[in-house]
Protein backbone atom coordinates (compact mmCIF):
# COMPACT_ATOMS: atom_id res chain seq x y z
CA MET A 1 31.33 32.65 -18.67
CA ALA A 2 33.39 33.07 -21.84
CA ILE A 3 34.36 29.92 -23.74
CA GLN A 4 38.08 30.71 -23.41
CA ASP A 5 37.74 30.79 -19.60
CA LYS A 6 35.99 27.40 -19.67
CA ILE A 7 38.75 25.93 -21.81
CA THR A 8 41.42 27.24 -19.42
CA GLN A 9 39.60 25.76 -16.44
CA ILE A 10 39.24 22.38 -18.16
CA TRP A 11 42.99 22.48 -18.84
CA VAL A 12 43.72 23.14 -15.16
CA LYS A 13 41.47 20.26 -14.07
CA THR A 14 42.74 17.70 -16.57
CA THR A 15 46.47 18.50 -16.50
CA GLY A 16 46.77 19.68 -12.91
CA LYS A 17 45.99 17.92 -9.65
CA LYS A 18 43.08 17.96 -7.25
CA ILE A 19 44.20 19.30 -3.90
CA ASN A 20 42.90 19.45 -0.37
CA PRO A 21 42.91 23.16 0.53
CA ASN A 22 43.79 22.30 4.13
CA ASP A 23 46.98 20.58 2.96
CA PHE A 24 47.88 23.32 0.49
CA GLU A 25 46.92 26.41 2.43
CA TRP A 26 50.00 28.17 1.05
CA LEU A 27 48.50 27.96 -2.43
CA ILE A 28 44.97 29.14 -1.67
CA GLY A 29 43.99 32.77 -2.26
CA PRO A 30 41.09 35.06 -3.22
CA ILE A 31 39.27 34.27 -6.46
CA GLY A 32 37.67 36.45 -9.10
CA ASN A 33 34.23 36.79 -10.64
CA THR A 34 33.31 35.26 -13.99
CA ASP A 35 32.79 38.47 -15.96
CA ILE A 36 35.42 41.09 -15.08
CA ILE A 37 38.25 41.30 -12.56
CA LYS A 38 39.46 44.92 -12.51
CA ASP A 39 38.78 46.19 -8.95
CA LYS A 40 35.47 44.34 -8.60
CA PHE A 41 36.99 41.51 -6.56
CA ILE A 42 38.31 44.03 -4.02
CA PHE A 43 34.82 45.19 -3.03
CA GLU A 44 33.48 41.62 -3.05
CA LEU A 45 36.36 40.39 -0.87
CA ALA A 46 35.90 43.25 1.60
CA GLU A 47 32.18 42.54 1.88
CA LYS A 48 32.66 38.78 2.19
CA GLU A 49 35.24 39.07 4.99
CA ASN A 50 33.76 42.21 6.62
CA LEU A 51 36.85 44.33 6.00
CA GLU A 52 37.24 48.05 5.42
CA ILE A 53 38.92 49.42 2.30
CA ARG A 54 41.68 52.01 2.71
CA LYS A 55 43.29 53.42 -0.43
CA ASN A 56 46.69 55.04 -0.84
CA LEU A 57 47.37 55.79 2.77
CA PRO A 58 50.70 57.60 3.07
CA ASN A 59 53.60 55.27 3.92
CA SER A 60 51.56 52.27 2.83
CA GLY A 61 53.64 49.38 1.52
CA LEU A 62 53.34 46.07 -0.28
CA LEU A 63 54.86 44.63 2.87
CA GLU A 64 54.43 45.84 6.42
CA LYS A 65 58.04 44.84 7.11
CA MET A 66 60.72 43.23 4.94
CA GLU A 67 61.09 40.47 7.52
CA GLN A 68 57.73 39.08 6.35
CA ILE A 69 59.44 37.40 3.38
CA GLY A 70 62.08 35.74 5.50
CA ILE A 71 64.90 38.28 5.25
CA SER A 72 67.40 37.65 8.03
CA ASP A 73 68.90 40.36 10.23
CA LEU A 74 72.19 39.99 8.34
CA ASP A 75 70.47 40.43 4.97
CA LYS A 76 68.36 43.31 6.29
CA ASN A 77 71.56 45.17 7.16
CA ARG A 78 72.93 44.49 3.66
CA LEU A 79 69.70 45.42 1.85
CA ASN A 80 69.74 48.84 0.19
CA ASP A 81 67.70 51.28 2.30
CA LYS A 82 65.88 52.61 -0.77
CA VAL A 83 64.78 49.10 -1.77
CA ALA A 84 63.44 48.42 1.72
CA ASP A 85 61.68 51.80 1.78
CA PHE A 86 60.01 51.06 -1.55
CA TYR A 87 58.47 47.81 -0.30
CA GLU A 88 57.45 49.23 3.06
CA ASN A 89 56.18 52.62 1.76
CA THR A 90 55.13 51.89 -1.84
CA SER A 91 52.36 54.49 -1.93
CA ASN A 92 55.01 57.22 -1.65
CA TYR A 93 56.33 56.41 -5.15
CA ASP A 94 55.43 57.17 -8.76
CA PHE A 95 56.36 54.80 -11.58
CA GLU A 96 57.65 54.77 -15.11
CA VAL A 97 57.73 51.50 -17.07
CA TRP A 98 59.22 50.29 -20.33
CA SER A 99 58.38 46.96 -21.99
CA GLU A 100 60.16 44.82 -24.57
CA TRP A 101 58.52 41.74 -26.08
CA LYS A 102 61.00 39.40 -27.72
CA GLY A 103 60.67 38.30 -31.36
CA ILE A 104 57.93 35.78 -32.05
CA PHE A 105 56.35 36.32 -28.63
CA LYS A 106 54.98 39.77 -29.41
CA PRO A 107 52.03 38.39 -31.48
CA PHE A 108 51.31 36.06 -28.55
CA GLY A 109 51.16 39.08 -26.24
CA LYS A 110 48.66 40.73 -28.56
CA LEU A 111 46.56 37.56 -28.67
CA LEU A 112 46.58 37.29 -24.86
CA TYR A 113 45.42 40.91 -24.69
CA LEU A 114 42.55 40.38 -27.14
CA ILE A 115 41.29 37.06 -25.71
CA PHE A 116 41.73 37.51 -21.97
CA SER A 117 43.37 40.65 -20.59
CA LYS A 118 41.27 43.37 -22.24
CA ARG A 119 37.98 41.66 -21.37
CA LEU A 120 38.84 40.69 -17.80
CA GLN A 121 40.90 43.82 -17.06
CA GLN A 122 43.66 41.78 -15.50
CA LEU A 123 47.30 41.11 -16.47
CA ASN A 124 47.39 43.62 -19.33
CA LEU A 125 51.12 43.27 -19.94
CA PRO A 126 52.10 46.36 -21.98
CA LEU A 127 52.71 45.51 -25.65
CA ASN A 128 55.13 48.38 -26.20
CA SER A 129 56.70 51.29 -24.38
CA ILE A 130 54.53 53.84 -26.21
CA ASP A 131 51.49 52.52 -24.29
CA THR A 132 53.18 53.25 -20.98
CA ALA A 133 54.94 56.49 -21.98
CA LYS A 134 52.47 58.51 -19.89
CA GLY A 135 53.18 56.34 -16.86
CA LEU A 136 51.04 54.27 -14.52
CA LYS A 137 48.35 55.06 -12.02
CA SER A 138 49.27 53.17 -8.89
CA GLN A 139 47.20 52.50 -5.78
CA ILE A 140 48.09 50.53 -2.67
CA ILE A 141 44.80 49.27 -1.28
CA LYS A 142 44.61 47.80 2.21
CA LEU A 143 41.74 45.62 3.38
CA LYS A 144 41.73 45.98 7.16
CA ASP A 145 39.92 44.40 10.07
CA LYS A 146 37.28 46.91 11.19
CA GLN A 147 38.03 46.35 14.87
CA THR A 148 41.78 45.80 15.14
CA LYS A 149 42.68 47.87 12.02
CA GLU A 150 45.21 45.18 11.14
CA THR A 151 45.79 44.56 7.43
CA LYS A 152 44.33 41.31 6.09
CA TRP A 153 45.07 41.85 2.38
CA THR A 154 47.26 44.27 0.42
CA ILE A 155 46.40 44.94 -3.23
CA TRP A 156 48.64 46.71 -5.73
CA TYR A 157 46.31 48.13 -8.36
CA ARG A 158 48.04 49.56 -11.44
CA ILE A 159 46.47 51.13 -14.54
CA ILE A 160 48.15 52.21 -17.79
CA LYS A 161 47.32 55.92 -18.00
CA SER A 162 47.12 56.10 -21.80
CA THR A 163 44.63 53.21 -22.16
CA ASN A 164 43.05 52.86 -18.69
CA ASP A 165 43.73 49.13 -18.93
CA VAL A 166 44.56 47.34 -15.68
CA ILE A 167 48.14 46.12 -15.96
CA TYR A 168 48.03 44.32 -12.60
CA SER A 169 45.43 43.83 -9.92
CA GLY A 170 47.45 41.68 -7.57
CA ILE A 171 47.27 40.73 -3.91
CA TYR A 172 50.66 40.83 -2.19
CA THR A 173 50.96 38.41 0.67
CA THR A 174 53.27 35.74 2.06
CA CYS A 175 52.95 31.99 2.43
CA LYS A 176 54.54 29.24 4.47
CA ASN A 177 55.38 26.54 1.97
CA PRO A 178 56.42 23.39 3.88
CA ASN A 179 59.20 22.79 1.33
CA TYR A 180 60.99 25.97 2.41
CA LYS A 181 62.36 27.06 5.77
CA LYS A 182 61.50 30.74 5.30
CA PRO A 183 58.23 32.45 4.30
CA LEU A 184 57.86 33.19 0.59
CA LEU A 185 56.39 36.18 -1.20
CA LYS A 186 53.15 35.31 -2.98
CA VAL A 187 51.34 37.50 -5.48
CA VAL A 188 47.77 36.43 -6.29
CA PHE A 189 45.97 37.55 -9.44
CA PRO A 190 42.24 36.73 -9.16
CA LEU A 191 40.73 35.13 -12.29
CA PRO A 192 37.27 33.67 -13.03
CA ASN A 193 36.58 30.91 -10.45
CA GLY A 194 40.20 30.87 -9.39
CA ASN A 195 43.49 32.70 -9.59
CA ALA A 196 47.00 32.75 -10.92
CA SER A 197 49.68 33.05 -8.27
CA VAL A 198 53.42 33.60 -8.35
CA VAL A 199 55.34 32.22 -5.40
CA MET A 200 58.82 33.75 -5.09
CA THR A 201 61.97 33.19 -3.10
CA GLU A 202 64.14 36.15 -2.10
CA LYS A 203 67.84 36.84 -2.11
CA VAL A 204 69.69 39.96 -0.99
CA GLU A 205 72.67 40.38 -3.29
CA LYS A 206 76.12 41.73 -2.39
CA ASP A 207 75.31 45.19 -3.79
CA GLY A 208 72.19 45.48 -1.63
CA SER A 209 69.70 44.73 -4.40
CA LEU A 210 66.75 42.40 -3.86
CA LEU A 211 66.27 39.45 -6.22
CA LEU A 212 62.89 37.69 -6.28
CA CYS A 213 62.65 34.39 -8.20
CA SER A 214 59.91 32.02 -9.30
CA ASP A 215 62.14 29.45 -10.99
CA GLY A 216 61.04 26.14 -9.47
CA LYS A 217 61.02 22.89 -11.42
CA LYS A 218 58.15 20.89 -9.91
CA PHE A 219 54.84 21.17 -8.06
CA GLY A 220 55.54 22.47 -4.56
CA ASP A 221 58.46 24.63 -5.66
CA ASN A 222 58.45 28.39 -6.00
CA GLY A 223 56.85 29.23 -9.33
CA PHE A 224 53.72 30.04 -11.29
CA TYR A 225 50.43 28.30 -10.42
CA PHE A 226 46.84 28.30 -11.59
CA THR A 227 44.29 27.43 -8.91
CA LEU A 228 40.64 26.65 -9.61
CA THR A 229 37.60 26.03 -7.39
CA ASN A 230 34.03 25.03 -8.12
CA GLY A 231 32.62 26.85 -5.09
CA LYS A 232 31.85 23.56 -3.32
CA GLY A 233 35.13 23.29 -1.46
CA GLU A 234 36.88 21.41 -4.25
CA TYR A 235 40.17 22.77 -5.60
CA TRP A 236 42.52 21.99 -8.46
CA ALA A 237 46.00 23.40 -9.02
CA ARG A 238 48.33 23.45 -12.00
CA PHE A 239 52.04 24.19 -11.69
CA VAL A 240 53.28 25.86 -14.88
CA LYS A 241 56.89 24.72 -15.00
CA SER A 242 57.49 26.44 -18.35
CA MET A 243 57.03 29.92 -16.79
CA HIS A 244 59.87 31.48 -14.81
CA GLU A 245 60.42 35.06 -13.76
CA TRP A 246 62.94 37.18 -11.92
CA ILE A 247 62.53 40.64 -10.40
CA ARG A 248 65.60 42.58 -9.36
CA VAL A 249 65.08 45.83 -7.43
CA TYR A 250 68.19 47.99 -7.09
CA GLU A 251 69.72 51.47 -6.92
CA ASP A 252 71.72 52.36 -10.02
CA ASP A 253 74.98 54.31 -10.33
CA GLU A 254 73.03 57.59 -10.46
CA ASN A 255 71.18 56.79 -7.20
CA VAL A 256 67.93 56.06 -9.05
CA LEU A 257 65.72 53.24 -7.81
CA ARG A 258 64.92 50.75 -10.55
CA ALA A 259 63.52 47.26 -11.13
CA ASP A 260 64.12 44.75 -13.92
CA HIS A 261 61.37 42.17 -14.41
CA ASN A 262 62.29 39.32 -16.77
CA LEU A 263 59.95 36.52 -17.86
CA ASN A 264 60.98 33.26 -19.54
CA PHE A 265 58.94 30.60 -21.33
CA TYR A 266 60.66 27.20 -21.64
CA GLY A 267 63.97 28.90 -20.94
CA ILE A 268 63.50 31.58 -23.61
CA ARG A 269 63.19 35.21 -22.58
CA PHE A 270 59.88 36.54 -23.92
CA LEU A 271 59.33 39.79 -22.02
CA ASN A 272 61.45 42.38 -20.24
CA LEU A 273 59.85 45.05 -18.08
CA HIS A 274 61.92 47.86 -16.67
CA TYR A 275 60.66 50.20 -13.94
CA ARG A 276 61.91 53.48 -12.58
CA MET A 277 60.53 54.38 -9.16
CA ASN A 278 60.47 58.04 -8.18
CA LYS A 279 59.88 59.19 -4.62
CA LYS A 280 57.00 61.64 -4.42
CA THR A 281 57.84 64.99 -2.89
CA VAL A 282 54.55 64.93 -0.99
CA ALA A 283 52.83 61.64 -0.22
CA ASN A 284 49.34 61.32 -1.60
CA LYS A 285 46.44 61.96 0.69
CA GLU A 286 44.11 59.03 1.19
CA LEU A 287 41.68 58.58 -1.70
CA ARG A 288 38.12 58.17 -0.57
């Protein structure tokens, strides 16, 4: 294991809290290997849980239904149809992305890339829009029960075409946090011996857009978490209260589907990501 991974794990143990996984089931998720993340964890997870891998099935979404993240019937009626279709049929879309690092944070982004992201092939946040000018390769990967064919895990696997770096290899799921009445969206990014996870609340705005937030203030709130395990049933978790993010998915005045992804560090905006989602004319056939 690389020394920087060991240092990160020591930080989680010493500044976080030891948790009982049975009491914090909402925070537990798949973990990564110690050398590279990329898509390796997908095959290991499928083998471990005896699941079959299905890639880019037509009409395959990050969510099976919008109701999974606690959207009420009233909000479902208000939600823009294109936004709902995107989440329920994500594999039917292509993507363009633009990135903007703010001021002094750009060197930090480069450092993160060199120390962690490039090596692990995980969380390669684009350093500039030139890197993503050729677009993204996007796959929706479902891990399904071999008997019932029900989906156990949904992975959104995205690669920057110009560099072949993995921008995100994230598991999209939901969790029932006891501090909230409704289910929350949870995105898990496997890391060596643990994961980073973003737990987000949802709000349907008056114009039909969907706003997802991880802006909590304390452990147990929606927000950004590191979780670590030693493989012996022991777990530690660290709530990163300095990290907040907002994702707004909406249809613009020209009827184009877009998303704005804003990330703050100690209240200061350090990265803006902007996406344009284009409906494919013909849905991809399943990749085998």
